[in-house]
């Protein structure tokens, strides 16, 4: 389940986006540079959080 603040990628533009709004199946995503896109949730993939290094 995607939520506001999750980091995602989309095939339509390079780089990571952060989800800033969710309206049903429609997401508003934004890059660190301020580029905003409105996309369907099926068109993004969530990036995995970094796992701690094993010692």
C-alpha atoms as a PDB file:
ATOM      1  CA  UNK A   1       0.000   0.000   0.000  1.00  0.00           C
ATOM      2  CA  UNK A   2       1.498   3.304  -1.095  1.00  0.00           C
ATOM      3  CA  UNK A   3       1.397   6.270   1.281  1.00  0.00           C
ATOM      4  CA  UNK A   4       2.425   9.931   1.335  1.00  0.00           C
ATOM      5  CA  UNK A   5       6.195  10.211   1.737  1.00  0.00           C
ATOM      6  CA  UNK A   6       7.016   6.953  -0.073  1.00  0.00           C
ATOM      7  CA  UNK A   7       9.750   7.167  -2.706  1.00  0.00           C
ATOM      8  CA  UNK A   8       8.779   5.774  -6.114  1.00  0.00           C
ATOM      9  CA  UNK A   9      10.008   5.651  -9.704  1.00  0.00           C
ATOM     10  CA  UNK A  10       8.082   5.842 -12.964  1.00  0.00           C
ATOM     11  CA  UNK A  11       9.078   4.876 -16.493  1.00  0.00           C
ATOM     12  CA  UNK A  12       7.952   8.236 -17.912  1.00  0.00           C
ATOM     13  CA  UNK A  13      10.715  10.266 -16.244  1.00  0.00           C
ATOM     14  CA  UNK A  14      14.103   9.325 -14.747  1.00  0.00           C
ATOM     15  CA  UNK A  15      14.858   9.661 -11.067  1.00  0.00           C
ATOM     16  CA  UNK A  16      13.091   9.162  -7.767  1.00  0.00           C
ATOM     17  CA  UNK A  17       9.828  10.895  -6.857  1.00  0.00           C
ATOM     18  CA  UNK A  18       8.167  11.335  -3.463  1.00  0.00           C
ATOM     19  CA  UNK A  19       4.417  10.873  -3.144  1.00  0.00           C
ATOM     20  CA  UNK A  20       2.885  14.172  -1.965  1.00  0.00           C
ATOM     21  CA  UNK A  21      -0.841  13.475  -2.465  1.00  0.00           C
ATOM     22  CA  UNK A  22      -3.112  10.473  -2.963  1.00  0.00           C
ATOM     23  CA  UNK A  23      -6.643  10.680  -4.389  1.00  0.00           C
ATOM     24  CA  UNK A  24      -7.915   7.131  -4.787  1.00  0.00           C
ATOM     25  CA  UNK A  25      -5.844   5.507  -7.563  1.00  0.00           C
ATOM     26  CA  UNK A  26      -4.239   8.826  -8.595  1.00  0.00           C
ATOM     27  CA  UNK A  27      -0.946   9.975  -7.091  1.00  0.00           C
ATOM     28  CA  UNK A  28       0.773  13.340  -7.176  1.00  0.00           C
ATOM     29  CA  UNK A  29       4.524  12.763  -7.126  1.00  0.00           C
ATOM     30  CA  UNK A  30       7.364  15.270  -6.905  1.00  0.00           C
ATOM     31  CA  UNK A  31      11.138  15.274  -7.460  1.00  0.00           C
ATOM     32  CA  UNK A  32      13.631  17.012  -5.191  1.00  0.00           C
ATOM     33  CA  UNK A  33      13.899  19.700  -7.913  1.00  0.00           C
ATOM     34  CA  UNK A  34      10.154  20.434  -7.707  1.00  0.00           C
ATOM     35  CA  UNK A  35       8.881  18.653 -10.834  1.00  0.00           C
ATOM     36  CA  UNK A  36       5.352  17.397 -10.126  1.00  0.00           C
ATOM     37  CA  UNK A  37       3.494  14.697 -12.030  1.00  0.00           C
ATOM     38  CA  UNK A  38       0.029  13.206 -11.599  1.00  0.00           C
ATOM     39  CA  UNK A  39       0.044   9.470 -12.319  1.00  0.00           C
ATOM     40  CA  UNK A  40      -1.976   6.346 -11.652  1.00  0.00           C
ATOM     41  CA  UNK A  41      -0.629   4.180  -8.850  1.00  0.00           C
ATOM     42  CA  UNK A  42      -0.212   1.258 -11.280  1.00  0.00           C
ATOM     43  CA  UNK A  43       2.408   3.305 -13.171  1.00  0.00           C
ATOM     44  CA  UNK A  44       4.890   3.624 -10.296  1.00  0.00           C
ATOM     45  CA  UNK A  45       7.149   1.234  -8.435  1.00  0.00           C
ATOM     46  CA  UNK A  46       8.105   1.793  -4.823  1.00  0.00           C
ATOM     47  CA  UNK A  47      11.812   1.891  -4.021  1.00  0.00           C
ATOM     48  CA  UNK A  48      12.934  -0.395  -1.235  1.00  0.00           C
ATOM     49  CA  UNK A  49      14.336   1.240   1.860  1.00  0.00           C
ATOM     50  CA  UNK A  50      18.051   0.614   2.446  1.00  0.00           C
ATOM     51  CA  UNK A  51      18.624  -2.437   4.591  1.00  0.00           C
ATOM     52  CA  UNK A  52      21.205  -2.239   7.381  1.00  0.00           C
ATOM     53  CA  UNK A  53      24.542  -3.780   6.482  1.00  0.00           C
ATOM     54  CA  UNK A  54      25.091  -7.213   8.006  1.00  0.00           C
ATOM     55  CA  UNK A  55      28.221  -7.576  10.093  1.00  0.00           C
END
